[in-house]
Amino acid sequence: MVELEKLTLYAGPARLLDVPDVQAVVSSVRAENIFAIGNAVGRQDAGTALTLGRHLIADGEAPLKILSLLTRHYRQLWKARELQVAGRPASEIARGAGVPPFVVDGLVAQGRKYSRADFRCAFKLFVEADLAMKSSGSQAEVVLENLLLRLAGEQTV
């Protein structure tokens, strides 16, 4: 029901809804889910991260695209974290991380959970997952699930 309410708010009550309306709302939901996966990983809540990843796949997202979005999210987290540590204002963090200003507080809060070593480790895992999805013949869904478990600390790195 919540998604229908979002769609109605997006398009307005007196308008006939069409495919571009649904796609606009669904893509923002997917972005929210990537952020939620990042939050779950940061809390070491592997169950939630896996559930969200599985929902995105069930909704038609390719595992490689989810990996790409997750990598982008971590790149923005790292950039926001570095700028925050350097004492930069929120407007500069938004520009540097390539995000809208209203996202900065959440990004900075999430980024505080990670050290530089944590970010380096995450990006090593992203490269490994990317190579496995593209070259090993592994099932991409399994590779993504293993990545999420490793990021959440459920498996050794």
Protein backbone atom coordinates (compact mmCIF):
# COMPACT_ATOMS: atom_id res chain seq x y z
CA MET A 1 0.00 0.00 0.00
CA VAL A 2 2.86 2.39 0.76
CA GLU A 3 4.15 2.19 -2.82
CA LEU A 4 0.72 3.04 -4.23
CA GLU A 5 0.56 6.04 -1.92
CA LYS A 6 4.00 7.18 -3.15
CA LEU A 7 2.85 6.80 -6.74
CA THR A 8 -0.31 8.82 -6.09
CA LEU A 9 1.66 11.55 -4.35
CA TYR A 10 4.15 11.62 -7.20
CA ALA A 11 1.58 11.85 -10.01
CA GLY A 12 -1.30 13.57 -8.26
CA PRO A 13 -4.79 12.22 -7.58
CA ALA A 14 -6.54 13.44 -10.74
CA ARG A 15 -4.08 12.06 -13.25
CA LEU A 16 -3.96 8.73 -15.08
CA LEU A 17 -0.77 6.89 -14.16
CA ASP A 18 1.50 5.48 -16.86
CA VAL A 19 4.76 3.52 -17.12
CA PRO A 20 7.15 6.51 -16.70
CA ASP A 21 5.35 7.43 -13.45
CA VAL A 22 5.83 3.93 -12.06
CA GLN A 23 9.46 3.79 -13.21
CA ALA A 24 10.25 7.11 -11.51
CA VAL A 25 8.85 5.92 -8.20
CA VAL A 26 10.37 2.43 -8.45
CA SER A 27 13.85 3.77 -9.23
CA SER A 28 13.76 5.96 -6.12
CA VAL A 29 12.66 2.94 -4.09
CA ARG A 30 15.64 1.00 -5.46
CA ALA A 31 18.00 3.82 -4.47
CA GLU A 32 16.48 3.80 -0.98
CA ASN A 33 17.05 0.04 -0.82
CA ILE A 34 20.73 0.40 -1.76
CA PHE A 35 21.09 2.94 1.07
CA ALA A 36 19.21 0.53 3.36
CA ILE A 37 21.58 -2.30 2.36
CA GLY A 38 24.49 -0.02 3.26
CA ASN A 39 22.89 0.72 6.62
CA ALA A 40 22.27 -2.97 7.28
CA VAL A 41 25.87 -3.83 6.42
CA GLY A 42 27.09 -1.01 8.68
CA ARG A 43 25.02 -2.47 11.54
CA GLN A 44 26.37 -5.93 10.67
CA ASP A 45 22.79 -7.02 10.02
CA ALA A 46 23.47 -9.57 7.31
CA GLY A 47 19.89 -10.89 7.38
CA THR A 48 18.40 -7.53 6.43
CA ALA A 49 21.09 -6.88 3.81
CA LEU A 50 20.40 -10.28 2.22
CA THR A 51 16.64 -9.77 2.30
CA LEU A 52 16.91 -6.34 0.65
CA GLY A 53 19.29 -7.71 -1.98
CA ARG A 54 16.92 -10.59 -2.73
CA HIS A 55 13.98 -8.17 -3.02
CA LEU A 56 15.87 -6.07 -5.55
CA ILE A 57 16.67 -9.20 -7.58
CA ALA A 58 13.04 -10.33 -7.37
CA ASP A 59 12.01 -6.88 -8.61
CA GLY A 60 14.14 -7.40 -11.70
CA GLU A 61 17.46 -5.81 -10.77
CA ALA A 62 20.49 -7.65 -12.10
CA PRO A 63 23.04 -8.62 -9.43
CA LEU A 64 25.77 -6.82 -11.39
CA LYS A 65 23.71 -3.61 -11.32
CA ILE A 66 23.15 -3.99 -7.57
CA LEU A 67 26.91 -4.43 -7.17
CA SER A 68 27.46 -1.28 -9.23
CA LEU A 69 24.98 0.71 -7.14
CA LEU A 70 26.48 -0.61 -3.91
CA THR A 71 29.99 0.30 -5.09
CA ARG A 72 28.81 3.79 -6.01
CA HIS A 73 27.17 4.13 -2.59
CA TYR A 74 30.40 3.17 -0.83
CA ARG A 75 32.39 5.57 -3.02
CA GLN A 76 30.04 8.36 -1.94
CA LEU A 77 30.32 7.24 1.70
CA TRP A 78 34.11 7.30 1.54
CA LYS A 79 34.23 10.70 -0.11
CA ALA A 80 31.70 12.14 2.38
CA ARG A 81 33.66 10.64 5.29
CA GLU A 82 36.97 12.11 4.08
CA LEU A 83 35.43 15.56 3.59
CA GLN A 84 33.68 15.39 6.97
CA VAL A 85 36.96 14.46 8.72
CA ALA A 86 38.60 17.40 6.93
CA GLY A 87 35.98 19.70 8.47
CA ARG A 88 34.29 20.65 5.23
CA PRO A 89 30.76 22.13 5.31
CA ALA A 90 27.74 20.08 4.23
CA SER A 91 27.43 21.95 0.93
CA GLU A 92 30.99 20.99 -0.03
CA ILE A 93 30.41 17.40 1.08
CA ALA A 94 27.33 17.24 -1.15
CA ARG A 95 29.28 18.54 -4.16
CA GLY A 96 32.29 16.32 -3.49
CA ALA A 97 30.25 13.17 -3.00
CA GLY A 98 27.91 13.99 -5.88
CA VAL A 99 24.73 13.82 -3.81
CA PRO A 100 21.86 16.22 -3.10
CA PRO A 101 22.34 18.29 0.07
CA PHE A 102 19.47 16.59 1.92
CA VAL A 103 21.36 13.25 1.71
CA VAL A 104 24.55 14.51 3.36
CA ASP A 105 23.57 13.95 7.01
CA GLY A 106 22.63 10.33 6.41
CA LEU A 107 25.70 9.69 4.28
CA VAL A 108 28.03 11.21 6.89
CA ALA A 109 26.36 9.26 9.71
CA GLN A 110 26.73 6.02 7.78
CA GLY A 111 30.31 6.85 6.76
CA ARG A 112 31.36 7.36 10.39
CA LYS A 113 31.05 3.61 10.90
CA TYR A 114 34.01 2.95 8.58
CA SER A 115 37.75 3.54 8.74
CA ARG A 116 39.96 3.95 5.67
CA ALA A 117 41.00 0.32 6.12
CA ASP A 118 37.32 -0.71 6.11
CA PHE A 119 36.73 1.18 2.86
CA ARG A 120 39.84 -0.35 1.25
CA CYS A 121 38.66 -3.82 2.26
CA ALA A 122 35.16 -3.15 0.89
CA PHE A 123 36.54 -2.03 -2.46
CA LYS A 124 38.74 -5.12 -2.63
CA LEU A 125 35.59 -7.19 -2.11
CA PHE A 126 33.76 -5.21 -4.81
CA VAL A 127 36.52 -5.95 -7.33
CA GLU A 128 36.51 -9.64 -6.43
CA ALA A 129 32.71 -9.82 -6.77
CA ASP A 130 32.78 -7.96 -10.08
CA LEU A 131 35.37 -10.35 -11.51
CA ALA A 132 33.49 -13.39 -10.21
CA MET A 133 30.21 -12.20 -11.72
CA LYS A 134 31.80 -11.47 -15.08
CA SER A 135 34.31 -14.25 -15.55
CA SER A 136 33.98 -17.29 -13.34
CA GLY A 137 30.65 -18.67 -14.42
CA SER A 138 29.48 -18.31 -10.84
CA GLN A 139 25.87 -17.57 -10.15
CA ALA A 140 25.73 -13.79 -9.79
CA GLU A 141 23.08 -13.98 -7.07
CA VAL A 142 25.31 -16.21 -4.94
CA VAL A 143 28.30 -13.90 -5.48
CA LEU A 144 26.19 -10.92 -4.39
CA GLU A 145 24.95 -12.75 -1.29
CA ASN A 146 28.51 -13.74 -0.34
CA LEU A 147 29.61 -10.13 -0.79
CA LEU A 148 26.86 -8.88 1.50
CA LEU A 149 27.76 -11.49 4.12
CA ARG A 150 31.42 -10.50 3.97
CA LEU A 151 30.64 -6.79 4.15
CA ALA A 152 28.41 -7.41 7.15
CA GLY A 153 31.15 -9.36 8.89
CA GLU A 154 29.38 -12.73 8.75
CA GLN A 155 32.27 -14.31 6.83
CA THR A 156 35.98 -13.72 7.08
CA VAL A 157 37.46 -11.37 4.51
